[in-house]
Amino acid sequence: MKILIAIDGSRASLGTLHFAAQFVQRAGEPPTILCVIERESDQRSKQAEDTFNTARDILAVPEIETMLRTGHPVQEIVRETESCKFDLLIIGEMRSNFLTQIFKGPPAARIAACTPCPVVIAKGDRRPIKRILLCDSGSGRSEALNRFTARLGKMLEGEEDITVLHVMSQISAGPGVKGGQLRASADELIQEHTPEGVLLERDLQALDQPGVHPTPKVRHGLVVDEIIKETRSGGYDLVIIGAHQGEKWRQLLLDNLAVEILKRVDRPVLVVK
């Protein structure tokens, strides 16, 4: 798996590199480190080179490819991923001014919307990945679990606990959904072979590999609120969400649910597409 790690040369980049190290060690290929600076100067170039040297020590791999770009971080990172030679992009939290956040959205969401590959946003409490929350809506646009297992399943070490979460929302429930199903547990939905139960059972089968411990879970309420509640109460190290990718010419941002999750979740998020 070919990984691109995008940093800005700041001290905050160190946290991103430490979190990325566990992906790099499982990838089987040397990573590429992209450092983007907004203005070229001897000081910034020296700072970037120091960061590259630090990255070599933190990632502890025989060799890494390094690239230095000057320009707007979002644009430069997206441009590099459009080469389609990367299977995963890892970035840290990126700051922007208040008006840009309002009119264009968070930089991480803008990057995740435009890149052709899955994106990990390393934020909040970045710990070794042992507990994973996988949010599978079951919609045709999302299907997060299928894409995760197809492209990134090999990244699992085999000792992870994975909770597969489906939120039953009365707002989005179809006309054939009975009121009792909106209050049912995961086991009840599976036993009754409801559409959500079939989805959860499929998820468990997709994650059936040695050492991986998947558990289905259903929450009831507003989708974003319930995902945030589960994230905070379950002690997860990584949250996985799915997102559809718009055509390049449309420059679509992620759907509102994904953006809200990225804003509110307080730990690393993997956006699968």
C-alpha atoms as a PDB file:
ATOM      1  CA  MET A   1       0.000   0.000   0.000  1.00  0.00           C
ATOM      2  CA  LYS A   2       1.405   3.349  -1.076  1.00  0.00           C
ATOM      3  CA  ILE A   3       0.919   6.078   1.545  1.00  0.00           C
ATOM      4  CA  LEU A   4       1.217   9.847   1.193  1.00  0.00           C
ATOM      5  CA  ILE A   5       1.724  11.806   4.420  1.00  0.00           C
ATOM      6  CA  ALA A   6       1.111  15.547   4.039  1.00  0.00           C
ATOM      7  CA  ILE A   7       2.618  17.923   6.605  1.00  0.00           C
ATOM      8  CA  ASP A   8       3.392  21.630   6.890  1.00  0.00           C
ATOM      9  CA  GLY A   9       6.710  21.495   8.713  1.00  0.00           C
ATOM     10  CA  SER A  10       5.289  22.775  12.014  1.00  0.00           C
ATOM     11  CA  ARG A  11       5.682  21.128  15.410  1.00  0.00           C
ATOM     12  CA  ALA A  12       2.108  19.899  15.067  1.00  0.00           C
ATOM     13  CA  SER A  13       3.330  17.728  12.197  1.00  0.00           C
ATOM     14  CA  LEU A  14       5.189  15.542  14.684  1.00  0.00           C
ATOM     15  CA  GLY A  15       1.914  14.224  16.090  1.00  0.00           C
ATOM     16  CA  THR A  16       0.720  13.386  12.579  1.00  0.00           C
ATOM     17  CA  LEU A  17       3.948  11.518  11.849  1.00  0.00           C
ATOM     18  CA  HIS A  18       3.777   9.500  15.077  1.00  0.00           C
ATOM     19  CA  PHE A  19       0.191   8.468  14.314  1.00  0.00           C
ATOM     20  CA  ALA A  20       1.048   7.683  10.682  1.00  0.00           C
ATOM     21  CA  ALA A  21       3.894   5.408  11.740  1.00  0.00           C
ATOM     22  CA  GLN A  22       1.555   2.534  12.578  1.00  0.00           C
ATOM     23  CA  PHE A  23       0.062   2.668   9.067  1.00  0.00           C
ATOM     24  CA  VAL A  24       3.493   2.876   7.468  1.00  0.00           C
ATOM     25  CA  GLN A  25       4.782  -0.138   9.391  1.00  0.00           C
ATOM     26  CA  ARG A  26       1.893  -2.239   8.047  1.00  0.00           C
ATOM     27  CA  ALA A  27       1.950  -0.911   4.479  1.00  0.00           C
ATOM     28  CA  GLY A  28       4.907  -2.868   3.134  1.00  0.00           C
ATOM     29  CA  GLU A  29       6.092   0.060   0.969  1.00  0.00           C
ATOM     30  CA  PRO A  30       8.107   3.184   1.746  1.00  0.00           C
ATOM     31  CA  PRO A  31       5.854   6.233   2.248  1.00  0.00           C
ATOM     32  CA  THR A  32       6.032   9.605   0.558  1.00  0.00           C
ATOM     33  CA  ILE A  33       6.239  12.734   2.724  1.00  0.00           C
ATOM     34  CA  LEU A  34       4.810  15.902   1.193  1.00  0.00           C
ATOM     35  CA  CYS A  35       5.616  19.168   2.955  1.00  0.00           C
ATOM     36  CA  VAL A  36       3.688  22.227   1.779  1.00  0.00           C
ATOM     37  CA  ILE A  37       4.861  25.727   2.678  1.00  0.00           C
ATOM     38  CA  GLU A  38       2.804  28.756   1.667  1.00  0.00           C
ATOM     39  CA  ARG A  39       5.780  31.067   1.085  1.00  0.00           C
ATOM     40  CA  GLU A  40       9.259  30.099   0.009  1.00  0.00           C
ATOM     41  CA  SER A  41      12.112  31.281   2.206  1.00  0.00           C
ATOM     42  CA  ASP A  42      15.426  29.900   3.406  1.00  0.00           C
ATOM     43  CA  GLN A  43      14.040  29.554   6.928  1.00  0.00           C
ATOM     44  CA  ARG A  44      10.947  27.645   5.841  1.00  0.00           C
ATOM     45  CA  SER A  45      12.939  25.405   3.505  1.00  0.00           C
ATOM     46  CA  LYS A  46      15.357  24.621   6.341  1.00  0.00           C
ATOM     47  CA  GLN A  47      12.416  23.890   8.653  1.00  0.00           C
ATOM     48  CA  ALA A  48      10.960  21.518   6.047  1.00  0.00           C
ATOM     49  CA  GLU A  49      14.267  19.680   5.664  1.00  0.00           C
ATOM     50  CA  ASP A  50      14.517  19.302   9.441  1.00  0.00           C
ATOM     51  CA  THR A  51      10.997  17.853   9.425  1.00  0.00           C
ATOM     52  CA  PHE A  52      11.976  15.353   6.721  1.00  0.00           C
ATOM     53  CA  ASN A  53      14.907  14.187   8.861  1.00  0.00           C
ATOM     54  CA  THR A  54      12.631  13.862  11.881  1.00  0.00           C
ATOM     55  CA  ALA A  55      10.139  11.885   9.769  1.00  0.00           C
ATOM     56  CA  ARG A  56      12.823   9.363   8.880  1.00  0.00           C
ATOM     57  CA  ASP A  57      13.489   8.772  12.569  1.00  0.00           C
ATOM     58  CA  ILE A  58       9.822   8.582  13.588  1.00  0.00           C
ATOM     59  CA  LEU A  59       8.648   6.340  10.741  1.00  0.00           C
ATOM     60  CA  ALA A  60      11.636   4.015  11.123  1.00  0.00           C
ATOM     61  CA  VAL A  61      11.610   2.704   7.551  1.00  0.00           C
ATOM     62  CA  PRO A  62      14.673   2.181   5.330  1.00  0.00           C
ATOM     63  CA  GLU A  63      13.795   4.931   2.899  1.00  0.00           C
ATOM     64  CA  ILE A  64      11.151   7.541   2.280  1.00  0.00           C
ATOM     65  CA  GLU A  65      10.465   9.801  -0.664  1.00  0.00           C
ATOM     66  CA  THR A  66      10.209  13.506   0.166  1.00  0.00           C
ATOM     67  CA  MET A  67       8.600  16.348  -1.742  1.00  0.00           C
ATOM     68  CA  LEU A  68       8.544  20.075  -0.976  1.00  0.00           C
ATOM     69  CA  ARG A  69       5.812  22.206  -2.531  1.00  0.00           C
ATOM     70  CA  THR A  70       5.065  25.907  -2.265  1.00  0.00           C
ATOM     71  CA  GLY A  71       1.475  27.094  -2.438  1.00  0.00           C
ATOM     72  CA  HIS A  72      -1.914  26.656  -0.822  1.00  0.00           C
ATOM     73  CA  PRO A  73      -1.879  23.441   1.254  1.00  0.00           C
ATOM     74  CA  VAL A  74      -5.319  22.192   0.133  1.00  0.00           C
ATOM     75  CA  GLN A  75      -4.577  22.725  -3.535  1.00  0.00           C
ATOM     76  CA  GLU A  76      -1.084  21.227  -3.411  1.00  0.00           C
ATOM     77  CA  ILE A  77      -2.165  18.151  -1.467  1.00  0.00           C
ATOM     78  CA  VAL A  78      -5.111  17.470  -3.770  1.00  0.00           C
ATOM     79  CA  ARG A  79      -2.944  18.005  -6.847  1.00  0.00           C
ATOM     80  CA  GLU A  80      -0.444  15.408  -5.651  1.00  0.00           C
ATOM     81  CA  THR A  81      -3.139  12.800  -4.928  1.00  0.00           C
ATOM     82  CA  GLU A  82      -4.591  13.237  -8.410  1.00  0.00           C
ATOM     83  CA  SER A  83      -1.648  11.263  -9.755  1.00  0.00           C
ATOM     84  CA  CYS A  84      -3.644   8.260  -8.440  1.00  0.00           C
ATOM     85  CA  LYS A  85      -0.470   6.490  -7.325  1.00  0.00           C
ATOM     86  CA  PHE A  86      -1.435   6.612  -3.639  1.00  0.00           C
ATOM     87  CA  ASP A  87      -3.743   4.238  -1.791  1.00  0.00           C
ATOM     88  CA  LEU A  88      -4.020   6.346   1.357  1.00  0.00           C
ATOM     89  CA  LEU A  89      -3.494   9.979   2.356  1.00  0.00           C
ATOM     90  CA  ILE A  90      -2.708  10.928   5.967  1.00  0.00           C
ATOM     91  CA  ILE A  91      -3.025  14.548   7.079  1.00  0.00           C
ATOM     92  CA  GLY A  92      -3.225  16.393  10.375  1.00  0.00           C
ATOM     93  CA  GLU A  93      -5.645  19.063  11.474  1.00  0.00           C
ATOM     94  CA  MET A  94      -5.257  22.151   9.328  1.00  0.00           C
ATOM     95  CA  ARG A  95      -6.134  25.652  10.422  1.00  0.00           C
ATOM     96  CA  SER A  96      -7.857  28.278   8.328  1.00  0.00           C
ATOM     97  CA  ASN A  97      -9.418  31.636   8.997  1.00  0.00           C
ATOM     98  CA  PHE A  98     -12.976  31.950  10.232  1.00  0.00           C
ATOM     99  CA  LEU A  99     -14.531  33.155   6.965  1.00  0.00           C
ATOM    100  CA  THR A 100     -12.888  30.388   4.945  1.00  0.00           C
ATOM    101  CA  GLN A 101     -14.285  27.817   7.369  1.00  0.00           C
ATOM    102  CA  ILE A 102     -17.787  29.236   6.921  1.00  0.00           C
ATOM    103  CA  PHE A 103     -17.848  29.564   3.139  1.00  0.00           C
ATOM    104  CA  LYS A 104     -15.588  26.708   2.054  1.00  0.00           C
ATOM    105  CA  GLY A 105     -15.665  24.317   5.004  1.00  0.00           C
ATOM    106  CA  PRO A 106     -12.798  22.859   7.070  1.00  0.00           C
ATOM    107  CA  PRO A 107      -9.605  22.258   5.055  1.00  0.00           C
ATOM    108  CA  ALA A 108      -9.597  18.555   5.970  1.00  0.00           C
ATOM    109  CA  ALA A 109     -13.133  18.147   4.609  1.00  0.00           C
ATOM    110  CA  ARG A 110     -12.209  19.963   1.405  1.00  0.00           C
ATOM    111  CA  ILE A 111      -9.213  17.695   0.906  1.00  0.00           C
ATOM    112  CA  ALA A 112     -11.247  14.565   1.655  1.00  0.00           C
ATOM    113  CA  ALA A 113     -13.889  15.687  -0.855  1.00  0.00           C
ATOM    114  CA  CYS A 114     -11.462  16.146  -3.734  1.00  0.00           C
ATOM    115  CA  THR A 115      -8.895  13.380  -3.350  1.00  0.00           C
ATOM    116  CA  PRO A 116      -9.436  10.092  -5.199  1.00  0.00           C
ATOM    117  CA  CYS A 117      -8.048   7.998  -2.325  1.00  0.00           C
ATOM    118  CA  PRO A 118      -9.143   7.390   1.283  1.00  0.00           C
ATOM    119  CA  VAL A 119      -7.993  10.018   3.781  1.00  0.00           C
ATOM    120  CA  VAL A 120      -6.982   9.731   7.443  1.00  0.00           C
ATOM    121  CA  ILE A 121      -7.316  12.955   9.434  1.00  0.00           C
ATOM    122  CA  ALA A 122      -5.048  12.601  12.483  1.00  0.00           C
ATOM    123  CA  LYS A 123      -6.648  14.739  15.162  1.00  0.00           C
ATOM    124  CA  GLY A 124      -7.368  14.791  18.873  1.00  0.00           C
ATOM    125  CA  ASP A 125      -6.150  11.891  20.989  1.00  0.00           C
ATOM    126  CA  ARG A 126      -3.925   9.875  18.635  1.00  0.00           C
ATOM    127  CA  ARG A 127      -3.278   6.475  20.184  1.00  0.00           C
ATOM    128  CA  PRO A 128      -2.300   3.040  18.821  1.00  0.00           C
ATOM    129  CA  ILE A 129      -5.268   1.702  16.873  1.00  0.00           C
ATOM    130  CA  LYS A 130      -6.896  -1.110  18.840  1.00  0.00           C
ATOM    131  CA  ARG A 131     -10.557  -0.090  18.919  1.00  0.00           C
ATOM    132  CA  ILE A 132     -12.251   0.932  15.680  1.00  0.00           C
ATOM    133  CA  LEU A 133     -15.720   2.379  15.123  1.00  0.00           C
ATOM    134  CA  LEU A 134     -16.965   1.705  11.602  1.00  0.00           C
ATOM    135  CA  CYS A 135     -20.063   3.696  10.657  1.00  0.00           C
ATOM    136  CA  ASP A 136     -21.889   1.880   7.869  1.00  0.00           C
ATOM    137  CA  SER A 137     -25.025   3.566   6.591  1.00  0.00           C
ATOM    138  CA  GLY A 138     -25.744   0.804   4.112  1.00  0.00           C
ATOM    139  CA  SER A 139     -26.577   3.378   1.446  1.00  0.00           C
ATOM    140  CA  GLY A 140     -25.410   3.031  -2.109  1.00  0.00           C
ATOM    141  CA  ARG A 141     -23.313   6.175  -1.716  1.00  0.00           C
ATOM    142  CA  SER A 142     -21.538   4.988   1.394  1.00  0.00           C
ATOM    143  CA  GLU A 143     -20.970   1.238   1.797  1.00  0.00           C
ATOM    144  CA  ALA A 144     -18.051   2.147   4.016  1.00  0.00           C
ATOM    145  CA  LEU A 145     -17.362  -1.375   5.158  1.00  0.00           C
ATOM    146  CA  ASN A 146     -17.113  -2.891   1.690  1.00  0.00           C
ATOM    147  CA  ARG A 147     -14.612  -0.295   0.571  1.00  0.00           C
ATOM    148  CA  PHE A 148     -12.690  -0.532   3.833  1.00  0.00           C
ATOM    149  CA  THR A 149     -12.268  -4.293   3.656  1.00  0.00           C
ATOM    150  CA  ALA A 150     -11.482  -4.244  -0.062  1.00  0.00           C
ATOM    151  CA  ARG A 151      -8.781  -1.567   0.038  1.00  0.00           C
ATOM    152  CA  LEU A 152      -7.585  -1.270   3.619  1.00  0.00           C
ATOM    153  CA  GLY A 153      -8.442  -4.548   5.315  1.00  0.00           C
ATOM    154  CA  LYS A 154      -4.879  -5.760   4.986  1.00  0.00           C
ATOM    155  CA  MET A 155      -3.806  -2.914   7.263  1.00  0.00           C
ATOM    156  CA  LEU A 156      -5.378  -4.675  10.242  1.00  0.00           C
ATOM    157  CA  GLU A 157      -2.875  -6.341  12.518  1.00  0.00           C
ATOM    158  CA  GLY A 158      -5.411  -8.939  13.621  1.00  0.00           C
ATOM    159  CA  GLU A 159      -5.998  -7.858  17.215  1.00  0.00           C
ATOM    160  CA  GLU A 160      -8.439  -5.020  16.700  1.00  0.00           C
ATOM    161  CA  ASP A 161     -11.910  -4.745  18.184  1.00  0.00           C
ATOM    162  CA  ILE A 162     -14.246  -3.324  15.547  1.00  0.00           C
ATOM    163  CA  THR A 163     -17.711  -2.010  16.314  1.00  0.00           C
ATOM    164  CA  VAL A 164     -19.910  -1.777  13.232  1.00  0.00           C
ATOM    165  CA  LEU A 165     -22.429   0.966  13.929  1.00  0.00           C
ATOM    166  CA  HIS A 166     -25.714   1.557  12.162  1.00  0.00           C
ATOM    167  CA  VAL A 167     -27.913   4.434  13.271  1.00  0.00           C
ATOM    168  CA  MET A 168     -31.671   3.922  12.981  1.00  0.00           C
ATOM    169  CA  SER A 169     -33.064   7.378  12.363  1.00  0.00           C
ATOM    170  CA  GLN A 170     -36.811   7.913  12.248  1.00  0.00           C
ATOM    171  CA  ILE A 171     -36.225  10.850   9.924  1.00  0.00           C
ATOM    172  CA  SER A 172     -34.569   8.697   7.258  1.00  0.00           C
ATOM    173  CA  ALA A 173     -36.545   5.495   7.879  1.00  0.00           C
ATOM    174  CA  GLY A 174     -38.379   4.065   4.901  1.00  0.00           C
ATOM    175  CA  PRO A 175     -42.186   3.738   4.786  1.00  0.00           C
ATOM    176  CA  GLY A 176     -42.031  -0.002   5.460  1.00  0.00           C
ATOM    177  CA  VAL A 177     -40.025   0.262   8.679  1.00  0.00           C
ATOM    178  CA  LYS A 178     -42.070  -0.675  11.719  1.00  0.00           C
ATOM    179  CA  GLY A 179     -41.904   1.382  14.894  1.00  0.00           C
ATOM    180  CA  GLY A 180     -40.509  -1.570  16.846  1.00  0.00           C
ATOM    181  CA  GLN A 181     -37.540  -1.816  14.496  1.00  0.00           C
ATOM    182  CA  LEU A 182     -36.605   1.762  15.332  1.00  0.00           C
ATOM    183  CA  ARG A 183     -36.074   0.622  18.930  1.00  0.00           C
ATOM    184  CA  ALA A 184     -34.624  -2.841  18.262  1.00  0.00           C
ATOM    185  CA  SER A 185     -31.108  -3.988  19.154  1.00  0.00           C
ATOM    186  CA  ALA A 186     -28.599  -5.246  16.605  1.00  0.00           C
ATOM    187  CA  ASP A 187     -29.214  -8.885  17.591  1.00  0.00           C
ATOM    188  CA  GLU A 188     -32.977  -8.432  17.241  1.00  0.00           C
ATOM    189  CA  LEU A 189     -32.629  -6.904  13.793  1.00  0.00           C
ATOM    190  CA  ILE A 190     -30.352  -9.752  12.675  1.00  0.00           C
ATOM    191  CA  GLN A 191     -32.710 -12.417  14.034  1.00  0.00           C
ATOM    192  CA  GLU A 192     -35.718 -10.820  12.315  1.00  0.00           C
ATOM    193  CA  HIS A 193     -33.808 -10.523   9.007  1.00  0.00           C
ATOM    194  CA  THR A 194     -34.766  -6.872   8.605  1.00  0.00           C
ATOM    195  CA  PRO A 195     -32.874  -4.863   5.942  1.00  0.00           C
ATOM    196  CA  GLU A 196     -30.701  -3.384   8.688  1.00  0.00           C
ATOM    197  CA  GLY A 197     -30.169  -6.846  10.162  1.00  0.00           C
ATOM    198  CA  VAL A 198     -29.063  -8.203   6.795  1.00  0.00           C
ATOM    199  CA  LEU A 199     -26.663  -5.271   6.504  1.00  0.00           C
ATOM    200  CA  LEU A 200     -25.141  -5.948   9.910  1.00  0.00           C
ATOM    201  CA  GLU A 201     -24.832  -9.681   9.220  1.00  0.00           C
ATOM    202  CA  ARG A 202     -23.074  -8.939   5.940  1.00  0.00           C
ATOM    203  CA  ASP A 203     -20.707  -6.622   7.788  1.00  0.00           C
ATOM    204  CA  LEU A 204     -19.778  -9.350  10.262  1.00  0.00           C
ATOM    205  CA  GLN A 205     -19.057 -11.776   7.442  1.00  0.00           C
ATOM    206  CA  ALA A 206     -16.912  -9.212   5.617  1.00  0.00           C
ATOM    207  CA  LEU A 207     -14.772  -8.757   8.733  1.00  0.00           C
ATOM    208  CA  ASP A 208     -14.421 -12.478   9.395  1.00  0.00           C
ATOM    209  CA  GLN A 209     -10.646 -12.838   9.548  1.00  0.00           C
ATOM    210  CA  PRO A 210      -8.287 -14.234  12.181  1.00  0.00           C
ATOM    211  CA  GLY A 211      -7.861 -12.079  15.268  1.00  0.00           C
ATOM    212  CA  VAL A 212     -10.389  -9.408  14.254  1.00  0.00           C
ATOM    213  CA  HIS A 213     -13.306  -9.075  16.658  1.00  0.00           C
ATOM    214  CA  PRO A 214     -16.313  -7.365  15.038  1.00  0.00           C
ATOM    215  CA  THR A 215     -19.405  -6.430  17.045  1.00  0.00           C
ATOM    216  CA  PRO A 216     -22.616  -5.052  15.512  1.00  0.00           C
ATOM    217  CA  LYS A 217     -24.309  -2.167  17.242  1.00  0.00           C
ATOM    218  CA  VAL A 218     -27.408  -0.096  16.590  1.00  0.00           C
ATOM    219  CA  ARG A 219     -28.183   3.322  17.991  1.00  0.00           C
ATOM    220  CA  HIS A 220     -31.428   5.233  17.584  1.00  0.00           C
ATOM    221  CA  GLY A 221     -31.703   8.949  16.943  1.00  0.00           C
ATOM    222  CA  LEU A 222     -30.093  11.607  14.792  1.00  0.00           C
ATOM    223  CA  VAL A 223     -27.222  10.135  12.815  1.00  0.00           C
ATOM    224  CA  VAL A 224     -24.425  12.600  13.639  1.00  0.00           C
ATOM    225  CA  ASP A 225     -25.451  12.935  17.293  1.00  0.00           C
ATOM    226  CA  GLU A 226     -25.481   9.178  17.818  1.00  0.00           C
ATOM    227  CA  ILE A 227     -22.133   8.672  16.091  1.00  0.00           C
ATOM    228  CA  ILE A 228     -20.547  11.343  18.289  1.00  0.00           C
ATOM    229  CA  LYS A 229     -22.085   9.816  21.438  1.00  0.00           C
ATOM    230  CA  GLU A 230     -20.798   6.365  20.529  1.00  0.00           C
ATOM    231  CA  THR A 231     -17.359   7.744  19.683  1.00  0.00           C
ATOM    232  CA  ARG A 232     -17.011   9.420  23.064  1.00  0.00           C
ATOM    233  CA  SER A 233     -18.445   6.580  25.147  1.00  0.00           C
ATOM    234  CA  GLY A 234     -16.679   3.683  23.437  1.00  0.00           C
ATOM    235  CA  GLY A 235     -13.042   4.721  23.791  1.00  0.00           C
ATOM    236  CA  TYR A 236     -12.317   4.273  20.075  1.00  0.00           C
ATOM    237  CA  ASP A 237      -8.936   5.001  18.541  1.00  0.00           C
ATOM    238  CA  LEU A 238     -10.181   5.437  14.966  1.00  0.00           C
ATOM    239  CA  VAL A 239     -13.553   6.338  13.449  1.00  0.00           C
ATOM    240  CA  ILE A 240     -14.295   5.218   9.893  1.00  0.00           C
ATOM    241  CA  ILE A 241     -16.933   6.916   7.779  1.00  0.00           C
ATOM    242  CA  GLY A 242     -17.845   6.603   4.117  1.00  0.00           C
ATOM    243  CA  ALA A 243     -18.249   9.392   1.594  1.00  0.00           C
ATOM    244  CA  HIS A 244     -19.138   9.559  -2.058  1.00  0.00           C
ATOM    245  CA  GLN A 245     -16.756  11.349  -4.398  1.00  0.00           C
ATOM    246  CA  GLY A 246     -18.196  13.980  -6.706  1.00  0.00           C
ATOM    247  CA  GLU A 247     -16.949  14.579 -10.228  1.00  0.00           C
ATOM    248  CA  LYS A 248     -13.869  16.779 -10.284  1.00  0.00           C
ATOM    249  CA  TRP A 249     -15.538  19.523 -12.295  1.00  0.00           C
ATOM    250  CA  ARG A 250     -18.307  19.850  -9.738  1.00  0.00           C
ATOM    251  CA  GLN A 251     -15.859  20.398  -6.823  1.00  0.00           C
ATOM    252  CA  LEU A 252     -18.388  18.925  -4.409  1.00  0.00           C
ATOM    253  CA  LEU A 253     -17.723  19.024  -0.689  1.00  0.00           C
ATOM    254  CA  LEU A 254     -18.544  16.001   1.389  1.00  0.00           C
ATOM    255  CA  ASP A 255     -22.170  15.596   2.302  1.00  0.00           C
ATOM    256  CA  ASN A 256     -23.294  17.508   5.368  1.00  0.00           C
ATOM    257  CA  LEU A 257     -23.258  14.455   7.638  1.00  0.00           C
ATOM    258  CA  ALA A 258     -19.602  13.712   6.905  1.00  0.00           C
ATOM    259  CA  VAL A 259     -18.619  17.352   7.392  1.00  0.00           C
ATOM    260  CA  GLU A 260     -20.398  17.510  10.739  1.00  0.00           C
ATOM    261  CA  ILE A 261     -18.697  14.314  11.889  1.00  0.00           C
ATOM    262  CA  LEU A 262     -15.289  15.671  10.887  1.00  0.00           C
ATOM    263  CA  LYS A 263     -15.988  18.882  12.788  1.00  0.00           C
ATOM    264  CA  ARG A 264     -17.238  17.275  15.975  1.00  0.00           C
ATOM    265  CA  VAL A 265     -15.348  14.022  16.405  1.00  0.00           C
ATOM    266  CA  ASP A 266     -12.402  14.355  18.787  1.00  0.00           C
ATOM    267  CA  ARG A 267     -10.124  11.603  17.470  1.00  0.00           C
ATOM    268  CA  PRO A 268      -8.651  10.366  14.159  1.00  0.00           C
ATOM    269  CA  VAL A 269     -11.094   9.791  11.313  1.00  0.00           C
ATOM    270  CA  LEU A 270     -10.674   7.677   8.193  1.00  0.00           C
ATOM    271  CA  VAL A 271     -12.839   8.817   5.270  1.00  0.00           C
ATOM    272  CA  VAL A 272     -13.298   5.905   2.880  1.00  0.00           C
ATOM    273  CA  LYS A 273     -14.400   6.453  -0.694  1.00  0.00           C
END
